[in-house]
Amino acid sequence: MTSRHARRADAEGVYVASNNGRVTALDPSTFATTWSKLSTGAEPRGTVNEISSDDRYVYVAVGNGTLAVRRKTDGALVWYIDLDDLPGGFEQSLRAPGLDGEIIYWGGINANSYAFRRR
């Protein structure tokens, strides 16, 4: 059986998400909760589809077209963007962004692709 919840693990933590938009970080040794936050910090806006991470941040792709970036150490919201606000109008996302150096690549289901500089 496949899980419908997004998840990601690395040396610093295990990151899991739920259908209500919450992302939870777990200690990789004890699985104790380190932090738990709504993906964008506001009301839940959809199911978290996928999560990716680098050495500092967790990137949370929400199905409604929101990308949230949270600090790994404490879950603080660093920034987020809603694809509705970009050229092309309403957009949904199904996958976590690709990370390459200082660039974040992210695609929507309407065949639009976006690139952002990390902050």
C-alpha atoms as a PDB file:
ATOM      1  CA  MET A   1       0.000   0.000   0.000  1.00  0.00           C
ATOM      2  CA  THR A   2       1.314   3.481  -0.824  1.00  0.00           C
ATOM      3  CA  SER A   3       1.137   6.355   1.578  1.00  0.00           C
ATOM      4  CA  ARG A   4      -0.735   9.453   0.404  1.00  0.00           C
ATOM      5  CA  HIS A   5       1.354  11.647   2.688  1.00  0.00           C
ATOM      6  CA  ALA A   6       4.434  13.507   1.492  1.00  0.00           C
ATOM      7  CA  ARG A   7       7.665  12.635   3.250  1.00  0.00           C
ATOM      8  CA  ARG A   8      11.380  13.378   3.055  1.00  0.00           C
ATOM      9  CA  ALA A   9      14.331  12.246   5.162  1.00  0.00           C
ATOM     10  CA  ASP A  10      17.903  13.448   5.439  1.00  0.00           C
ATOM     11  CA  ALA A  11      20.632  13.570   8.091  1.00  0.00           C
ATOM     12  CA  GLU A  12      18.942  16.431   9.978  1.00  0.00           C
ATOM     13  CA  GLY A  13      15.405  15.112  10.127  1.00  0.00           C
ATOM     14  CA  VAL A  14      12.421  13.248   8.803  1.00  0.00           C
ATOM     15  CA  TYR A  15       9.763  15.532   7.336  1.00  0.00           C
ATOM     16  CA  VAL A  16       6.199  14.353   6.880  1.00  0.00           C
ATOM     17  CA  ALA A  17       3.046  16.100   5.771  1.00  0.00           C
ATOM     18  CA  SER A  18      -0.643  15.494   6.125  1.00  0.00           C
ATOM     19  CA  ASN A  19      -3.723  16.081   4.024  1.00  0.00           C
ATOM     20  CA  ASN A  20      -4.602  19.129   6.128  1.00  0.00           C
ATOM     21  CA  GLY A  21      -1.507  21.100   5.083  1.00  0.00           C
ATOM     22  CA  ARG A  22       0.569  20.425   8.207  1.00  0.00           C
ATOM     23  CA  VAL A  23       4.290  19.633   7.963  1.00  0.00           C
ATOM     24  CA  THR A  24       6.023  17.905  10.870  1.00  0.00           C
ATOM     25  CA  ALA A  25       9.759  17.485  11.466  1.00  0.00           C
ATOM     26  CA  LEU A  26      10.920  14.459  13.418  1.00  0.00           C
ATOM     27  CA  ASP A  27      14.290  13.763  15.010  1.00  0.00           C
ATOM     28  CA  PRO A  28      15.912  11.072  12.790  1.00  0.00           C
ATOM     29  CA  SER A  29      17.159   9.065  15.795  1.00  0.00           C
ATOM     30  CA  THR A  30      14.175   9.132  18.141  1.00  0.00           C
ATOM     31  CA  PHE A  31      11.317  10.177  15.820  1.00  0.00           C
ATOM     32  CA  ALA A  32      10.266  12.713  18.446  1.00  0.00           C
ATOM     33  CA  THR A  33       8.513  15.764  16.999  1.00  0.00           C
ATOM     34  CA  THR A  34      10.922  18.672  16.537  1.00  0.00           C
ATOM     35  CA  TRP A  35       8.335  21.060  15.096  1.00  0.00           C
ATOM     36  CA  SER A  36       4.930  20.957  13.425  1.00  0.00           C
ATOM     37  CA  LYS A  37       3.502  23.829  11.359  1.00  0.00           C
ATOM     38  CA  LEU A  38       0.871  24.573   8.749  1.00  0.00           C
ATOM     39  CA  SER A  39       2.659  24.643   5.401  1.00  0.00           C
ATOM     40  CA  THR A  40       2.206  28.372   4.736  1.00  0.00           C
ATOM     41  CA  GLY A  41       1.619  29.543   8.287  1.00  0.00           C
ATOM     42  CA  ALA A  42      -1.941  30.561   7.471  1.00  0.00           C
ATOM     43  CA  GLU A  43      -5.067  28.481   7.230  1.00  0.00           C
ATOM     44  CA  PRO A  44      -4.600  25.161   5.420  1.00  0.00           C
ATOM     45  CA  ARG A  45      -4.834  25.706   1.690  1.00  0.00           C
ATOM     46  CA  GLY A  46      -4.600  22.135   0.461  1.00  0.00           C
ATOM     47  CA  THR A  47      -2.836  18.830   0.707  1.00  0.00           C
ATOM     48  CA  VAL A  48       0.948  18.831   0.767  1.00  0.00           C
ATOM     49  CA  ASN A  49       1.939  16.836  -2.310  1.00  0.00           C
ATOM     50  CA  GLU A  50       5.700  16.615  -1.947  1.00  0.00           C
ATOM     51  CA  ILE A  51       8.612  17.852   0.112  1.00  0.00           C
ATOM     52  CA  SER A  52      12.238  18.461  -0.832  1.00  0.00           C
ATOM     53  CA  SER A  53      15.105  19.764   1.288  1.00  0.00           C
ATOM     54  CA  ASP A  54      18.626  21.089   1.202  1.00  0.00           C
ATOM     55  CA  ASP A  55      21.130  21.811   3.961  1.00  0.00           C
ATOM     56  CA  ARG A  56      19.069  24.706   5.430  1.00  0.00           C
ATOM     57  CA  TYR A  57      15.453  24.505   4.275  1.00  0.00           C
ATOM     58  CA  VAL A  58      12.443  22.280   3.690  1.00  0.00           C
ATOM     59  CA  TYR A  59      10.505  23.094   0.492  1.00  0.00           C
ATOM     60  CA  VAL A  60       6.816  22.244   0.740  1.00  0.00           C
ATOM     61  CA  ALA A  61       4.727  21.919  -2.446  1.00  0.00           C
ATOM     62  CA  VAL A  62       1.018  22.284  -1.724  1.00  0.00           C
ATOM     63  CA  GLY A  63      -1.408  21.020  -4.367  1.00  0.00           C
ATOM     64  CA  ASN A  64      -3.236  24.319  -4.650  1.00  0.00           C
ATOM     65  CA  GLY A  65      -0.133  25.937  -6.128  1.00  0.00           C
ATOM     66  CA  THR A  66       1.696  27.194  -3.061  1.00  0.00           C
ATOM     67  CA  LEU A  67       5.391  26.661  -2.412  1.00  0.00           C
ATOM     68  CA  ALA A  68       6.448  27.245   1.200  1.00  0.00           C
ATOM     69  CA  VAL A  69      10.034  27.328   2.424  1.00  0.00           C
ATOM     70  CA  ARG A  70      10.629  26.519   6.090  1.00  0.00           C
ATOM     71  CA  ARG A  71      13.850  26.576   8.086  1.00  0.00           C
ATOM     72  CA  LYS A  72      14.871  23.052   9.072  1.00  0.00           C
ATOM     73  CA  THR A  73      16.021  23.892  12.577  1.00  0.00           C
ATOM     74  CA  ASP A  74      12.792  25.372  13.932  1.00  0.00           C
ATOM     75  CA  GLY A  75      10.204  25.277  11.134  1.00  0.00           C
ATOM     76  CA  ALA A  76      10.077  29.059  10.796  1.00  0.00           C
ATOM     77  CA  LEU A  77       8.452  30.212   7.561  1.00  0.00           C
ATOM     78  CA  VAL A  78      11.168  31.841   5.449  1.00  0.00           C
ATOM     79  CA  TRP A  79       8.948  32.689   2.461  1.00  0.00           C
ATOM     80  CA  TYR A  80       6.182  31.320   0.315  1.00  0.00           C
ATOM     81  CA  ILE A  81       4.725  31.991  -3.083  1.00  0.00           C
ATOM     82  CA  ASP A  82       1.344  31.288  -4.587  1.00  0.00           C
ATOM     83  CA  LEU A  83       1.387  30.403  -8.281  1.00  0.00           C
ATOM     84  CA  ASP A  84      -1.913  32.266  -8.659  1.00  0.00           C
ATOM     85  CA  ASP A  85       0.137  35.446  -8.304  1.00  0.00           C
ATOM     86  CA  LEU A  86       2.451  34.639 -11.218  1.00  0.00           C
ATOM     87  CA  PRO A  87       1.906  35.099 -14.974  1.00  0.00           C
ATOM     88  CA  GLY A  88      -0.390  32.405 -16.276  1.00  0.00           C
ATOM     89  CA  GLY A  89      -3.014  32.690 -13.551  1.00  0.00           C
ATOM     90  CA  PHE A  90      -4.355  29.744 -11.560  1.00  0.00           C
ATOM     91  CA  GLU A  91      -1.888  26.906 -11.342  1.00  0.00           C
ATOM     92  CA  GLN A  92      -1.609  23.737  -9.317  1.00  0.00           C
ATOM     93  CA  SER A  93       1.500  21.786  -8.452  1.00  0.00           C
ATOM     94  CA  LEU A  94       1.957  18.090  -7.905  1.00  0.00           C
ATOM     95  CA  ARG A  95       5.697  17.752  -7.347  1.00  0.00           C
ATOM     96  CA  ALA A  96       8.367  19.147  -5.080  1.00  0.00           C
ATOM     97  CA  PRO A  97      10.712  21.683  -6.611  1.00  0.00           C
ATOM     98  CA  GLY A  98      14.075  20.768  -8.066  1.00  0.00           C
ATOM     99  CA  LEU A  99      17.044  22.390  -6.365  1.00  0.00           C
ATOM    100  CA  ASP A 100      20.230  23.362  -8.191  1.00  0.00           C
ATOM    101  CA  GLY A 101      22.711  25.640  -6.465  1.00  0.00           C
ATOM    102  CA  GLU A 102      20.946  28.951  -5.912  1.00  0.00           C
ATOM    103  CA  ILE A 103      18.004  28.223  -8.233  1.00  0.00           C
ATOM    104  CA  ILE A 104      14.685  26.556  -7.366  1.00  0.00           C
ATOM    105  CA  TYR A 105      12.845  24.994 -10.332  1.00  0.00           C
ATOM    106  CA  TRP A 106       9.143  24.274 -10.004  1.00  0.00           C
ATOM    107  CA  GLY A 107       6.490  23.219 -12.474  1.00  0.00           C
ATOM    108  CA  GLY A 108       2.730  23.398 -12.495  1.00  0.00           C
ATOM    109  CA  ILE A 109       0.173  21.092 -14.068  1.00  0.00           C
ATOM    110  CA  ASN A 110      -0.612  23.583 -16.846  1.00  0.00           C
ATOM    111  CA  ALA A 111       2.836  23.021 -18.421  1.00  0.00           C
ATOM    112  CA  ASN A 112       4.235  26.228 -16.920  1.00  0.00           C
ATOM    113  CA  SER A 113       7.700  26.139 -15.377  1.00  0.00           C
ATOM    114  CA  TYR A 114       9.153  28.615 -12.905  1.00  0.00           C
ATOM    115  CA  ALA A 115      12.632  29.381 -11.610  1.00  0.00           C
ATOM    116  CA  PHE A 116      13.305  31.306  -8.401  1.00  0.00           C
ATOM    117  CA  ARG A 117      16.519  32.459  -6.745  1.00  0.00           C
ATOM    118  CA  ARG A 118      16.923  31.187  -3.223  1.00  0.00           C
ATOM    119  CA  ARG A 119      16.689  33.912  -0.609  1.00  0.00           C
END
